[in-house]
Amino acid sequence: MNLGAFSISLAVKDIAASRAFYEKLGFKEVLGDQTQNWLILRNGETTIGLFQGMFERNSLTFNPGWTCQAEPLKEFEDVRDIQRSLKASGLTLTTEADESTTGPASLTLVDPDGNPVLIDQHVG
């Protein structure tokens, strides 16, 4: 199973302060809108998302259909196929992608330590 590009989504209290901190570590903004309380920052192959008021906890995020540079792939494992594999392996999902649709969709689950895992497909 290929989950796609990986990033960590950070639930931040002050997006401006967090942005300034991570920029000092060499991260640069590549997507997002600070006025909407979300930014995607990258340093080389490493991607982090800053989200103020959108998530309760930090979350592991995977994006099927994207490279680590957020470029679409021609071929990838659809989130619905991933969902079927996860459920077949006995994992419980907290949200599910609608199996009757195609294109962008997401699912979530929680690891044994309570960490949210988001599999979020942005491409069709």
PDB file of N, CA and C in Angstrom:
ATOM      1  N   MET A   1       0.858  -1.173   0.000  1.00  0.00           N
ATOM      2  CA  MET A   1       0.000   0.000   0.000  1.00  0.00           C
ATOM      3  C   MET A   1       0.902   1.233   0.000  1.00  0.00           C
ATOM      4  N   ASN A   2       0.628   2.164  -0.913  1.00  0.00           N
ATOM      5  CA  ASN A   2       1.384   3.408  -0.979  1.00  0.00           C
ATOM      6  C   ASN A   2       0.466   4.544  -0.552  1.00  0.00           C
ATOM      7  N   LEU A   3       0.789   5.163   0.570  1.00  0.00           N
ATOM      8  CA  LEU A   3      -0.057   6.212   1.138  1.00  0.00           C
ATOM      9  C   LEU A   3       0.203   7.587   0.540  1.00  0.00           C
ATOM     10  N   GLY A   4       1.251   7.728  -0.256  1.00  0.00           N
ATOM     11  CA  GLY A   4       1.551   9.016  -0.877  1.00  0.00           C
ATOM     12  C   GLY A   4       2.457   9.876  -0.041  1.00  0.00           C
ATOM     13  N   ALA A   5       2.472  11.153  -0.362  1.00  0.00           N
ATOM     14  CA  ALA A   5       3.346  12.121   0.305  1.00  0.00           C
ATOM     15  C   ALA A   5       3.007  12.198   1.790  1.00  0.00           C
ATOM     16  N   PHE A   6       4.043  12.374   2.617  1.00  0.00           N
ATOM     17  CA  PHE A   6       3.856  12.464   4.066  1.00  0.00           C
ATOM     18  C   PHE A   6       4.145  13.874   4.555  1.00  0.00           C
ATOM     19  N   SER A   7       3.352  14.321   5.500  1.00  0.00           N
ATOM     20  CA  SER A   7       3.625  15.562   6.227  1.00  0.00           C
ATOM     21  C   SER A   7       3.038  15.429   7.617  1.00  0.00           C
ATOM     22  N   ILE A   8       3.417  16.352   8.465  1.00  0.00           N
ATOM     23  CA  ILE A   8       2.784  16.418   9.775  1.00  0.00           C
ATOM     24  C   ILE A   8       1.968  17.701   9.819  1.00  0.00           C
ATOM     25  N   SER A   9       0.752  17.594  10.287  1.00  0.00           N
ATOM     26  CA  SER A   9      -0.141  18.743  10.425  1.00  0.00           C
ATOM     27  C   SER A   9      -0.136  19.158  11.892  1.00  0.00           C
ATOM     28  N   LEU A  10       0.341  20.354  12.141  1.00  0.00           N
ATOM     29  CA  LEU A  10       0.474  20.840  13.510  1.00  0.00           C
ATOM     30  C   LEU A  10      -0.703  21.731  13.888  1.00  0.00           C
ATOM     31  N   ALA A  11      -1.323  21.420  15.005  1.00  0.00           N
ATOM     32  CA  ALA A  11      -2.398  22.243  15.557  1.00  0.00           C
ATOM     33  C   ALA A  11      -1.715  23.353  16.361  1.00  0.00           C
ATOM     34  N   VAL A  12      -1.618  24.537  15.771  1.00  0.00           N
ATOM     35  CA  VAL A  12      -0.868  25.630  16.397  1.00  0.00           C
ATOM     36  C   VAL A  12      -1.812  26.618  17.081  1.00  0.00           C
ATOM     37  N   LYS A  13      -1.279  27.294  18.102  1.00  0.00           N
ATOM     38  CA  LYS A  13      -2.058  28.286  18.835  1.00  0.00           C
ATOM     39  C   LYS A  13      -1.979  29.667  18.193  1.00  0.00           C
ATOM     40  N   ASP A  14      -0.819  29.979  17.599  1.00  0.00           N
ATOM     41  CA  ASP A  14      -0.589  31.288  16.983  1.00  0.00           C
ATOM     42  C   ASP A  14       0.154  31.044  15.673  1.00  0.00           C
ATOM     43  N   ILE A  15      -0.570  31.096  14.567  1.00  0.00           N
ATOM     44  CA  ILE A  15       0.019  30.731  13.281  1.00  0.00           C
ATOM     45  C   ILE A  15       1.181  31.649  12.890  1.00  0.00           C
ATOM     46  N   ALA A  16       1.090  32.930  13.231  1.00  0.00           N
ATOM     47  CA  ALA A  16       2.175  33.856  12.897  1.00  0.00           C
ATOM     48  C   ALA A  16       3.447  33.497  13.670  1.00  0.00           C
ATOM     49  N   ALA A  17       3.304  33.198  14.954  1.00  0.00           N
ATOM     50  CA  ALA A  17       4.465  32.824  15.766  1.00  0.00           C
ATOM     51  C   ALA A  17       5.059  31.502  15.284  1.00  0.00           C
ATOM     52  N   SER A  18       4.198  30.545  14.948  1.00  0.00           N
ATOM     53  CA  SER A  18       4.678  29.254  14.461  1.00  0.00           C
ATOM     54  C   SER A  18       5.383  29.404  13.123  1.00  0.00           C
ATOM     55  N   ARG A  19       4.818  30.199  12.239  1.00  0.00           N
ATOM     56  CA  ARG A  19       5.455  30.436  10.941  1.00  0.00           C
ATOM     57  C   ARG A  19       6.840  31.047  11.136  1.00  0.00           C
ATOM     58  N   ALA A  20       6.939  32.055  11.969  1.00  0.00           N
ATOM     59  CA  ALA A  20       8.227  32.706  12.210  1.00  0.00           C
ATOM     60  C   ALA A  20       9.245  31.706  12.774  1.00  0.00           C
ATOM     61  N   PHE A  21       8.812  30.851  13.677  1.00  0.00           N
ATOM     62  CA  PHE A  21       9.701  29.846  14.263  1.00  0.00           C
ATOM     63  C   PHE A  21      10.222  28.890  13.192  1.00  0.00           C
ATOM     64  N   TYR A  22       9.312  28.312  12.405  1.00  0.00           N
ATOM     65  CA  TYR A  22       9.725  27.324  11.405  1.00  0.00           C
ATOM     66  C   TYR A  22      10.513  27.952  10.261  1.00  0.00           C
ATOM     67  N   GLU A  23      10.258  29.219   9.948  1.00  0.00           N
ATOM     68  CA  GLU A  23      11.076  29.897   8.944  1.00  0.00           C
ATOM     69  C   GLU A  23      12.517  30.039   9.427  1.00  0.00           C
ATOM     70  N   LYS A  24      12.705  30.228  10.728  1.00  0.00           N
ATOM     71  CA  LYS A  24      14.070  30.286  11.283  1.00  0.00           C
ATOM     72  C   LYS A  24      14.775  28.937  11.191  1.00  0.00           C
ATOM     73  N   LEU A  25      13.990  27.861  11.058  1.00  0.00           N
ATOM     74  CA  LEU A  25      14.569  26.525  10.862  1.00  0.00           C
ATOM     75  C   LEU A  25      14.796  26.223   9.379  1.00  0.00           C
ATOM     76  N   GLY A  26      14.486  27.183   8.520  1.00  0.00           N
ATOM     77  CA  GLY A  26      14.727  27.008   7.095  1.00  0.00           C
ATOM     78  C   GLY A  26      13.525  26.607   6.276  1.00  0.00           C
ATOM     79  N   PHE A  27      12.336  26.559   6.872  1.00  0.00           N
ATOM     80  CA  PHE A  27      11.127  26.223   6.129  1.00  0.00           C
ATOM     81  C   PHE A  27      10.636  27.448   5.359  1.00  0.00           C
ATOM     82  N   LYS A  28      10.057  27.198   4.189  1.00  0.00           N
ATOM     83  CA  LYS A  28       9.485  28.251   3.343  1.00  0.00           C
ATOM     84  C   LYS A  28       8.031  27.922   3.040  1.00  0.00           C
ATOM     85  N   GLU A  29       7.195  28.952   2.970  1.00  0.00           N
ATOM     86  CA  GLU A  29       5.786  28.751   2.620  1.00  0.00           C
ATOM     87  C   GLU A  29       5.674  28.285   1.170  1.00  0.00           C
ATOM     88  N   VAL A  30       4.877  27.238   0.944  1.00  0.00           N
ATOM     89  CA  VAL A  30       4.646  26.751  -0.418  1.00  0.00           C
ATOM     90  C   VAL A  30       3.160  26.757  -0.788  1.00  0.00           C
ATOM     91  N   LEU A  31       2.285  26.722   0.178  1.00  0.00           N
ATOM     92  CA  LEU A  31       0.830  26.749  -0.048  1.00  0.00           C
ATOM     93  C   LEU A  31       0.171  27.373   1.175  1.00  0.00           C
ATOM     94  N   GLY A  32      -1.089  27.720   1.010  1.00  0.00           N
ATOM     95  CA  GLY A  32      -1.866  28.150   2.164  1.00  0.00           C
ATOM     96  C   GLY A  32      -2.206  29.617   2.160  1.00  0.00           C
ATOM     97  N   ASP A  33      -2.880  30.020   3.220  1.00  0.00           N
ATOM     98  CA  ASP A  33      -3.329  31.388   3.392  1.00  0.00           C
ATOM     99  C   ASP A  33      -3.371  31.676   4.892  1.00  0.00           C
ATOM    100  N   GLN A  34      -2.424  32.456   5.352  1.00  0.00           N
ATOM    101  CA  GLN A  34      -2.341  32.735   6.785  1.00  0.00           C
ATOM    102  C   GLN A  34      -3.608  33.404   7.301  1.00  0.00           C
ATOM    103  N   THR A  35      -4.293  34.204   6.473  1.00  0.00           N
ATOM    104  CA  THR A  35      -5.528  34.854   6.928  1.00  0.00           C
ATOM    105  C   THR A  35      -6.649  33.837   7.142  1.00  0.00           C
ATOM    106  N   GLN A  36      -6.520  32.646   6.522  1.00  0.00           N
ATOM    107  CA  GLN A  36      -7.480  31.562   6.732  1.00  0.00           C
ATOM    108  C   GLN A  36      -6.969  30.560   7.769  1.00  0.00           C
ATOM    109  N   ASN A  37      -5.858  30.888   8.423  1.00  0.00           N
ATOM    110  CA  ASN A  37      -5.274  30.091   9.508  1.00  0.00           C
ATOM    111  C   ASN A  37      -4.704  28.750   9.075  1.00  0.00           C
ATOM    112  N   TRP A  38      -4.153  28.677   7.839  1.00  0.00           N
ATOM    113  CA  TRP A  38      -3.458  27.460   7.440  1.00  0.00           C
ATOM    114  C   TRP A  38      -2.328  27.795   6.469  1.00  0.00           C
ATOM    115  N   LEU A  39      -1.210  27.109   6.664  1.00  0.00           N
ATOM    116  CA  LEU A  39      -0.033  27.260   5.807  1.00  0.00           C
ATOM    117  C   LEU A  39       0.635  25.907   5.639  1.00  0.00           C
ATOM    118  N   ILE A  40       1.230  25.698   4.479  1.00  0.00           N
ATOM    119  CA  ILE A  40       2.060  24.525   4.235  1.00  0.00           C
ATOM    120  C   ILE A  40       3.473  25.044   4.020  1.00  0.00           C
ATOM    121  N   LEU A  41       4.403  24.509   4.788  1.00  0.00           N
ATOM    122  CA  LEU A  41       5.803  24.924   4.724  1.00  0.00           C
ATOM    123  C   LEU A  41       6.667  23.736   4.328  1.00  0.00           C
ATOM    124  N   ARG A  42       7.761  24.021   3.628  1.00  0.00           N
ATOM    125  CA  ARG A  42       8.642  22.934   3.207  1.00  0.00           C
ATOM    126  C   ARG A  42      10.097  23.343   3.400  1.00  0.00           C
ATOM    127  N   ASN A  43      10.880  22.354   3.794  1.00  0.00           N
ATOM    128  CA  ASN A  43      12.331  22.481   3.880  1.00  0.00           C
ATOM    129  C   ASN A  43      12.886  21.241   3.201  1.00  0.00           C
ATOM    130  N   GLY A  44      13.347  21.376   1.951  1.00  0.00           N
ATOM    131  CA  GLY A  44      13.810  20.220   1.194  1.00  0.00           C
ATOM    132  C   GLY A  44      12.659  19.276   0.930  1.00  0.00           C
ATOM    133  N   GLU A  45      12.789  18.039   1.375  1.00  0.00           N
ATOM    134  CA  GLU A  45      11.752  17.020   1.179  1.00  0.00           C
ATOM    135  C   GLU A  45      10.763  16.970   2.343  1.00  0.00           C
ATOM    136  N   THR A  46      10.971  17.797   3.363  1.00  0.00           N
ATOM    137  CA  THR A  46      10.154  17.764   4.573  1.00  0.00           C
ATOM    138  C   THR A  46       9.046  18.802   4.502  1.00  0.00           C
ATOM    139  N   THR A  47       7.821  18.357   4.740  1.00  0.00           N
ATOM    140  CA  THR A  47       6.655  19.234   4.674  1.00  0.00           C
ATOM    141  C   THR A  47       5.927  19.227   6.010  1.00  0.00           C
ATOM    142  N   ILE A  48       5.557  20.424   6.466  1.00  0.00           N
ATOM    143  CA  ILE A  48       4.714  20.554   7.655  1.00  0.00           C
ATOM    144  C   ILE A  48       3.542  21.467   7.314  1.00  0.00           C
ATOM    145  N   GLY A  49       2.420  21.212   7.939  1.00  0.00           N
ATOM    146  CA  GLY A  49       1.271  22.095   7.822  1.00  0.00           C
ATOM    147  C   GLY A  49       1.028  22.768   9.155  1.00  0.00           C
ATOM    148  N   LEU A  50       0.724  24.041   9.118  1.00  0.00           N
ATOM    149  CA  LEU A  50       0.368  24.795  10.320  1.00  0.00           C
ATOM    150  C   LEU A  50      -1.120  25.116  10.220  1.00  0.00           C
ATOM    151  N   PHE A  51      -1.880  24.696  11.222  1.00  0.00           N
ATOM    152  CA  PHE A  51      -3.332  24.870  11.200  1.00  0.00           C
ATOM    153  C   PHE A  51      -3.781  25.423  12.549  1.00  0.00           C
ATOM    154  N   GLN A  52      -4.279  26.643  12.547  1.00  0.00           N
ATOM    155  CA  GLN A  52      -4.762  27.274  13.770  1.00  0.00           C
ATOM    156  C   GLN A  52      -6.270  27.129  13.855  1.00  0.00           C
ATOM    157  N   GLY A  53      -6.746  26.474  14.926  1.00  0.00           N
ATOM    158  CA  GLY A  53      -8.176  26.348  15.164  1.00  0.00           C
ATOM    159  C   GLY A  53      -8.882  25.323  14.289  1.00  0.00           C
ATOM    160  N   MET A  54      -8.144  24.467  13.600  1.00  0.00           N
ATOM    161  CA  MET A  54      -8.770  23.488  12.717  1.00  0.00           C
ATOM    162  C   MET A  54      -8.707  22.070  13.254  1.00  0.00           C
ATOM    163  N   PHE A  55      -7.696  21.758  14.027  1.00  0.00           N
ATOM    164  CA  PHE A  55      -7.514  20.418  14.580  1.00  0.00           C
ATOM    165  C   PHE A  55      -7.281  20.529  16.072  1.00  0.00           C
ATOM    166  N   GLU A  56      -7.719  19.513  16.812  1.00  0.00           N
ATOM    167  CA  GLU A  56      -7.462  19.482  18.249  1.00  0.00           C
ATOM    168  C   GLU A  56      -6.046  19.027  18.559  1.00  0.00           C
ATOM    169  N   ARG A  57      -5.522  18.124  17.707  1.00  0.00           N
ATOM    170  CA  ARG A  57      -4.205  17.528  17.964  1.00  0.00           C
ATOM    171  C   ARG A  57      -3.380  17.555  16.692  1.00  0.00           C
ATOM    172  N   ASN A  58      -2.063  17.418  16.878  1.00  0.00           N
ATOM    173  CA  ASN A  58      -1.188  17.220  15.734  1.00  0.00           C
ATOM    174  C   ASN A  58      -1.591  15.929  15.042  1.00  0.00           C
ATOM    175  N   SER A  59      -1.400  15.873  13.732  1.00  0.00           N
ATOM    176  CA  SER A  59      -1.849  14.720  12.964  1.00  0.00           C
ATOM    177  C   SER A  59      -0.816  14.328  11.918  1.00  0.00           C
ATOM    178  N   LEU A  60      -0.653  13.021  11.732  1.00  0.00           N
ATOM    179  CA  LEU A  60       0.139  12.514  10.623  1.00  0.00           C
ATOM    180  C   LEU A  60      -0.737  12.600   9.387  1.00  0.00           C
ATOM    181  N   THR A  61      -0.201  13.103   8.284  1.00  0.00           N
ATOM    182  CA  THR A  61      -0.991  13.284   7.075  1.00  0.00           C
ATOM    183  C   THR A  61      -0.300  12.618   5.892  1.00  0.00           C
ATOM    184  N   PHE A  62      -1.084  11.888   5.106  1.00  0.00           N
ATOM    185  CA  PHE A  62      -0.606  11.260   3.883  1.00  0.00           C
ATOM    186  C   PHE A  62      -1.493  11.732   2.740  1.00  0.00           C
ATOM    187  N   ASN A  63      -0.883  11.994   1.589  1.00  0.00           N
ATOM    188  CA  ASN A  63      -1.627  12.473   0.426  1.00  0.00           C
ATOM    189  C   ASN A  63      -1.414  11.555  -0.776  1.00  0.00           C
ATOM    190  N   PRO A  64      -2.322  10.574  -0.958  1.00  0.00           N
ATOM    191  CA  PRO A  64      -2.232   9.734  -2.161  1.00  0.00           C
ATOM    192  C   PRO A  64      -2.325  10.593  -3.417  1.00  0.00           C
ATOM    193  N   GLY A  65      -1.517  10.256  -4.419  1.00  0.00           N
ATOM    194  CA  GLY A  65      -1.567  10.990  -5.673  1.00  0.00           C
ATOM    195  C   GLY A  65      -0.639  12.176  -5.750  1.00  0.00           C
ATOM    196  N   TRP A  66       0.107  12.440  -4.684  1.00  0.00           N
ATOM    197  CA  TRP A  66       1.058  13.549  -4.670  1.00  0.00           C
ATOM    198  C   TRP A  66       2.466  13.058  -4.399  1.00  0.00           C
ATOM    199  N   THR A  67       3.435  13.751  -4.994  1.00  0.00           N
ATOM    200  CA  THR A  67       4.831  13.560  -4.617  1.00  0.00           C
ATOM    201  C   THR A  67       5.083  14.401  -3.364  1.00  0.00           C
ATOM    202  N   CYS A  68       6.270  14.272  -2.788  1.00  0.00           N
ATOM    203  CA  CYS A  68       6.580  15.076  -1.593  1.00  0.00           C
ATOM    204  C   CYS A  68       6.677  16.568  -1.915  1.00  0.00           C
ATOM    205  N   GLN A  69       6.679  16.916  -3.199  1.00  0.00           N
ATOM    206  CA  GLN A  69       6.675  18.322  -3.606  1.00  0.00           C
ATOM    207  C   GLN A  69       5.272  18.790  -4.007  1.00  0.00           C
ATOM    208  N   ALA A  70       4.249  18.011  -3.636  1.00  0.00           N
ATOM    209  CA  ALA A  70       2.838  18.317  -3.930  1.00  0.00           C
ATOM    210  C   ALA A  70       2.557  18.391  -5.422  1.00  0.00           C
ATOM    211  N   GLU A  71       3.275  17.568  -6.191  1.00  0.00           N
ATOM    212  CA  GLU A  71       3.017  17.465  -7.627  1.00  0.00           C
ATOM    213  C   GLU A  71       2.183  16.219  -7.864  1.00  0.00           C
ATOM    214  N   PRO A  72       1.155  16.303  -8.705  1.00  0.00           N
ATOM    215  CA  PRO A  72       0.297  15.133  -8.935  1.00  0.00           C
ATOM    216  C   PRO A  72       1.032  14.010  -9.659  1.00  0.00           C
ATOM    217  N   LEU A  73       0.708  12.786  -9.248  1.00  0.00           N
ATOM    218  CA  LEU A  73       1.235  11.590  -9.897  1.00  0.00           C
ATOM    219  C   LEU A  73       0.241  11.102 -10.942  1.00  0.00           C
ATOM    220  N   LYS A  74       0.734  10.531 -12.031  1.00  0.00           N
ATOM    221  CA  LYS A  74      -0.162   9.980 -13.052  1.00  0.00           C
ATOM    222  C   LYS A  74      -0.845   8.721 -12.548  1.00  0.00           C
ATOM    223  N   GLU A  75      -0.113   7.900 -11.796  1.00  0.00           N
ATOM    224  CA  GLU A  75      -0.673   6.666 -11.247  1.00  0.00           C
ATOM    225  C   GLU A  75      -0.463   6.648  -9.743  1.00  0.00           C
ATOM    226  N   PHE A  76      -1.493   6.244  -9.024  1.00  0.00           N
ATOM    227  CA  PHE A  76      -1.408   6.167  -7.569  1.00  0.00           C
ATOM    228  C   PHE A  76      -2.537   5.299  -7.054  1.00  0.00           C
ATOM    229  N   GLU A  77      -2.416   4.910  -5.805  1.00  0.00           N
ATOM    230  CA  GLU A  77      -3.450   4.102  -5.162  1.00  0.00           C
ATOM    231  C   GLU A  77      -4.533   5.037  -4.620  1.00  0.00           C
ATOM    232  N   ASP A  78      -5.747   4.870  -5.094  1.00  0.00           N
ATOM    233  CA  ASP A  78      -6.860   5.718  -4.686  1.00  0.00           C
ATOM    234  C   ASP A  78      -7.171   5.521  -3.204  1.00  0.00           C
ATOM    235  N   VAL A  79      -7.584   6.595  -2.551  1.00  0.00           N
ATOM    236  CA  VAL A  79      -7.894   6.550  -1.124  1.00  0.00           C
ATOM    237  C   VAL A  79      -8.956   5.500  -0.798  1.00  0.00           C
ATOM    238  N   ARG A  80      -9.879   5.243  -1.725  1.00  0.00           N
ATOM    239  CA  ARG A  80     -10.917   4.237  -1.474  1.00  0.00           C
ATOM    240  C   ARG A  80     -10.329   2.826  -1.467  1.00  0.00           C
ATOM    241  N   ASP A  81      -9.317   2.589  -2.321  1.00  0.00           N
ATOM    242  CA  ASP A  81      -8.619   1.303  -2.302  1.00  0.00           C
ATOM    243  C   ASP A  81      -7.832   1.140  -1.010  1.00  0.00           C
ATOM    244  N   ILE A  82      -7.195   2.217  -0.587  1.00  0.00           N
ATOM    245  CA  ILE A  82      -6.474   2.198   0.691  1.00  0.00           C
ATOM    246  C   ILE A  82      -7.449   1.907   1.820  1.00  0.00           C
ATOM    247  N   GLN A  83      -8.593   2.557   1.782  1.00  0.00           N
ATOM    248  CA  GLN A  83      -9.622   2.359   2.805  1.00  0.00           C
ATOM    249  C   GLN A  83     -10.043   0.892   2.888  1.00  0.00           C
ATOM    250  N   ARG A  84     -10.294   0.279   1.752  1.00  0.00           N
ATOM    251  CA  ARG A  84     -10.685  -1.133   1.747  1.00  0.00           C
ATOM    252  C   ARG A  84      -9.577  -2.006   2.348  1.00  0.00           C
ATOM    253  N   SER A  85      -8.331  -1.717   2.025  1.00  0.00           N
ATOM    254  CA  SER A  85      -7.207  -2.482   2.573  1.00  0.00           C
ATOM    255  C   SER A  85      -7.104  -2.313   4.086  1.00  0.00           C
ATOM    256  N   LEU A  86      -7.257  -1.086   4.558  1.00  0.00           N
ATOM    257  CA  LEU A  86      -7.173  -0.825   5.999  1.00  0.00           C
ATOM    258  C   LEU A  86      -8.282  -1.560   6.748  1.00  0.00           C
ATOM    259  N   LYS A  87      -9.505  -1.491   6.224  1.00  0.00           N
ATOM    260  CA  LYS A  87     -10.628  -2.161   6.867  1.00  0.00           C
ATOM    261  C   LYS A  87     -10.453  -3.683   6.831  1.00  0.00           C
ATOM    262  N   ALA A  88      -9.938  -4.203   5.720  1.00  0.00           N
ATOM    263  CA  ALA A  88      -9.705  -5.648   5.599  1.00  0.00           C
ATOM    264  C   ALA A  88      -8.648  -6.129   6.591  1.00  0.00           C
ATOM    265  N   SER A  89      -7.732  -5.229   6.962  1.00  0.00           N
ATOM    266  CA  SER A  89      -6.701  -5.607   7.931  1.00  0.00           C
ATOM    267  C   SER A  89      -7.182  -5.472   9.371  1.00  0.00           C
ATOM    268  N   GLY A  90      -8.438  -5.044   9.551  1.00  0.00           N
ATOM    269  CA  GLY A  90      -9.017  -4.977  10.887  1.00  0.00           C
ATOM    270  C   GLY A  90      -8.940  -3.620  11.560  1.00  0.00           C
ATOM    271  N   LEU A  91      -8.471  -2.600  10.849  1.00  0.00           N
ATOM    272  CA  LEU A  91      -8.391  -1.269  11.453  1.00  0.00           C
ATOM    273  C   LEU A  91      -9.761  -0.601  11.450  1.00  0.00           C
ATOM    274  N   THR A  92     -10.003   0.201  12.471  1.00  0.00           N
ATOM    275  CA  THR A  92     -11.243   0.953  12.590  1.00  0.00           C
ATOM    276  C   THR A  92     -10.991   2.377  12.125  1.00  0.00           C
ATOM    277  N   LEU A  93     -11.828   2.853  11.232  1.00  0.00           N
ATOM    278  CA  LEU A  93     -11.702   4.214  10.713  1.00  0.00           C
ATOM    279  C   LEU A  93     -12.649   5.131  11.481  1.00  0.00           C
ATOM    280  N   THR A  94     -12.194   6.360  11.735  1.00  0.00           N
ATOM    281  CA  THR A  94     -13.055   7.326  12.427  1.00  0.00           C
ATOM    282  C   THR A  94     -13.886   8.136  11.442  1.00  0.00           C
ATOM    283  N   THR A  95     -13.374   8.323  10.239  1.00  0.00           N
ATOM    284  CA  THR A  95     -14.161   8.859   9.124  1.00  0.00           C
ATOM    285  C   THR A  95     -13.778   8.056   7.891  1.00  0.00           C
ATOM    286  N   GLU A  96     -14.683   8.011   6.929  1.00  0.00           N
ATOM    287  CA  GLU A  96     -14.441   7.215   5.728  1.00  0.00           C
ATOM    288  C   GLU A  96     -14.704   8.019   4.468  1.00  0.00           C
ATOM    289  N   ALA A  97     -13.994   7.645   3.400  1.00  0.00           N
ATOM    290  CA  ALA A  97     -14.260   8.197   2.071  1.00  0.00           C
ATOM    291  C   ALA A  97     -15.535   7.547   1.543  1.00  0.00           C
ATOM    292  N   ASP A  98     -16.324   8.301   0.836  1.00  0.00           N
ATOM    293  CA  ASP A  98     -17.550   7.787   0.243  1.00  0.00           C
ATOM    294  C   ASP A  98     -17.184   6.878  -0.928  1.00  0.00           C
ATOM    295  N   GLU A  99     -17.495   5.608  -0.803  1.00  0.00           N
ATOM    296  CA  GLU A  99     -17.141   4.611  -1.817  1.00  0.00           C
ATOM    297  C   GLU A  99     -17.870   4.832  -3.142  1.00  0.00           C
ATOM    298  N   SER A 100     -18.953   5.593  -3.137  1.00  0.00           N
ATOM    299  CA  SER A 100     -19.719   5.803  -4.363  1.00  0.00           C
ATOM    300  C   SER A 100     -19.181   6.962  -5.198  1.00  0.00           C
ATOM    301  N   THR A 101     -18.123   7.626  -4.716  1.00  0.00           N
ATOM    302  CA  THR A 101     -17.569   8.780  -5.414  1.00  0.00           C
ATOM    303  C   THR A 101     -16.204   8.443  -6.012  1.00  0.00           C
ATOM    304  N   THR A 102     -15.701   9.372  -6.808  1.00  0.00           N
ATOM    305  CA  THR A 102     -14.335   9.300  -7.326  1.00  0.00           C
ATOM    306  C   THR A 102     -13.673  10.645  -7.062  1.00  0.00           C
ATOM    307  N   GLY A 103     -12.365  10.691  -7.238  1.00  0.00           N
ATOM    308  CA  GLY A 103     -11.649  11.953  -7.064  1.00  0.00           C
ATOM    309  C   GLY A 103     -11.295  12.218  -5.618  1.00  0.00           C
ATOM    310  N   PRO A 104     -11.138  13.499  -5.271  1.00  0.00           N
ATOM    311  CA  PRO A 104     -10.706  13.866  -3.926  1.00  0.00           C
ATOM    312  C   PRO A 104     -11.614  13.294  -2.836  1.00  0.00           C
ATOM    313  N   ALA A 105     -10.981  12.799  -1.785  1.00  0.00           N
ATOM    314  CA  ALA A 105     -11.697  12.243  -0.622  1.00  0.00           C
ATOM    315  C   ALA A 105     -10.670  12.004   0.471  1.00  0.00           C
ATOM    316  N   SER A 106     -11.161  11.721   1.660  1.00  0.00           N
ATOM    317  CA  SER A 106     -10.248  11.472   2.772  1.00  0.00           C
ATOM    318  C   SER A 106     -10.837  10.461   3.740  1.00  0.00           C
ATOM    319  N   LEU A 107      -9.967   9.963   4.591  1.00  0.00           N
ATOM    320  CA  LEU A 107     -10.371   9.092   5.688  1.00  0.00           C
ATOM    321  C   LEU A 107      -9.470   9.405   6.872  1.00  0.00           C
ATOM    322  N   THR A 108      -9.921   9.049   8.058  1.00  0.00           N
ATOM    323  CA  THR A 108      -9.096   9.227   9.250  1.00  0.00           C
ATOM    324  C   THR A 108      -9.176   7.979  10.111  1.00  0.00           C
ATOM    325  N   LEU A 109      -8.119   7.778  10.851  1.00  0.00           N
ATOM    326  CA  LEU A 109      -8.058   6.742  11.860  1.00  0.00           C
ATOM    327  C   LEU A 109      -7.142   7.239  12.962  1.00  0.00           C
ATOM    328  N   VAL A 110      -7.073   6.499  14.052  1.00  0.00           N
ATOM    329  CA  VAL A 110      -6.270   6.901  15.206  1.00  0.00           C
ATOM    330  C   VAL A 110      -5.337   5.751  15.549  1.00  0.00           C
ATOM    331  N   ASP A 111      -4.055   6.082  15.758  1.00  0.00           N
ATOM    332  CA  ASP A 111      -3.098   5.032  16.099  1.00  0.00           C
ATOM    333  C   ASP A 111      -3.265   4.617  17.563  1.00  0.00           C
ATOM    334  N   PRO A 112      -2.580   3.561  18.015  1.00  0.00           N
ATOM    335  CA  PRO A 112      -2.776   3.064  19.385  1.00  0.00           C
ATOM    336  C   PRO A 112      -2.465   4.074  20.483  1.00  0.00           C
ATOM    337  N   ASP A 113      -1.697   5.129  20.157  1.00  0.00           N
ATOM    338  CA  ASP A 113      -1.369   6.142  21.150  1.00  0.00           C
ATOM    339  C   ASP A 113      -2.264   7.373  21.073  1.00  0.00           C
ATOM    340  N   GLY A 114      -3.301   7.296  20.250  1.00  0.00           N
ATOM    341  CA  GLY A 114      -4.245   8.401  20.151  1.00  0.00           C
ATOM    342  C   GLY A 114      -3.883   9.450  19.122  1.00  0.00           C
ATOM    343  N   ASN A 115      -2.848   9.202  18.301  1.00  0.00           N
ATOM    344  CA  ASN A 115      -2.452  10.155  17.277  1.00  0.00           C
ATOM    345  C   ASN A 115      -3.345  10.020  16.048  1.00  0.00           C
ATOM    346  N   PRO A 116      -3.964  11.109  15.619  1.00  0.00           N
ATOM    347  CA  PRO A 116      -4.785  11.048  14.414  1.00  0.00           C
ATOM    348  C   PRO A 116      -3.922  10.822  13.175  1.00  0.00           C
ATOM    349  N   VAL A 117      -4.449  10.039  12.241  1.00  0.00           N
ATOM    350  CA  VAL A 117      -3.814   9.804  10.944  1.00  0.00           C
ATOM    351  C   VAL A 117      -4.846  10.160   9.885  1.00  0.00           C
ATOM    352  N   LEU A 118      -4.477  11.121   9.034  1.00  0.00           N
ATOM    353  CA  LEU A 118      -5.354  11.582   7.967  1.00  0.00           C
ATOM    354  C   LEU A 118      -4.774  11.122   6.641  1.00  0.00           C
ATOM    355  N   ILE A 119      -5.589  10.467   5.834  1.00  0.00           N
ATOM    356  CA  ILE A 119      -5.208  10.113   4.470  1.00  0.00           C
ATOM    357  C   ILE A 119      -6.123  10.943   3.580  1.00  0.00           C
ATOM    358  N   ASP A 120      -5.529  11.950   2.939  1.00  0.00           N
ATOM    359  CA  ASP A 120      -6.277  13.023   2.285  1.00  0.00           C
ATOM    360  C   ASP A 120      -5.853  13.128   0.830  1.00  0.00           C
ATOM    361  N   GLN A 121      -6.693  12.652  -0.062  1.00  0.00           N
ATOM    362  CA  GLN A 121      -6.402  12.655  -1.493  1.00  0.00           C
ATOM    363  C   GLN A 121      -6.987  13.915  -2.118  1.00  0.00           C
ATOM    364  N   HIS A 122      -6.122  14.723  -2.728  1.00  0.00           N
ATOM    365  CA  HIS A 122      -6.558  15.982  -3.349  1.00  0.00           C
ATOM    366  C   HIS A 122      -6.752  15.872  -4.854  1.00  0.00           C
ATOM    367  N   VAL A 123      -6.295  14.795  -5.456  1.00  0.00           N
ATOM    368  CA  VAL A 123      -6.332  14.639  -6.911  1.00  0.00           C
ATOM    369  C   VAL A 123      -7.328  13.561  -7.307  1.00  0.00           C
ATOM    370  N   GLY A 124      -7.739  13.578  -8.577  1.00  0.00           N
ATOM    371  CA  GLY A 124      -8.707  12.605  -9.048  1.00  0.00           C
ATOM    372  C   GLY A 124      -8.037  11.568  -9.828  1.00  0.00           C
TER     373      GLY A 124
END
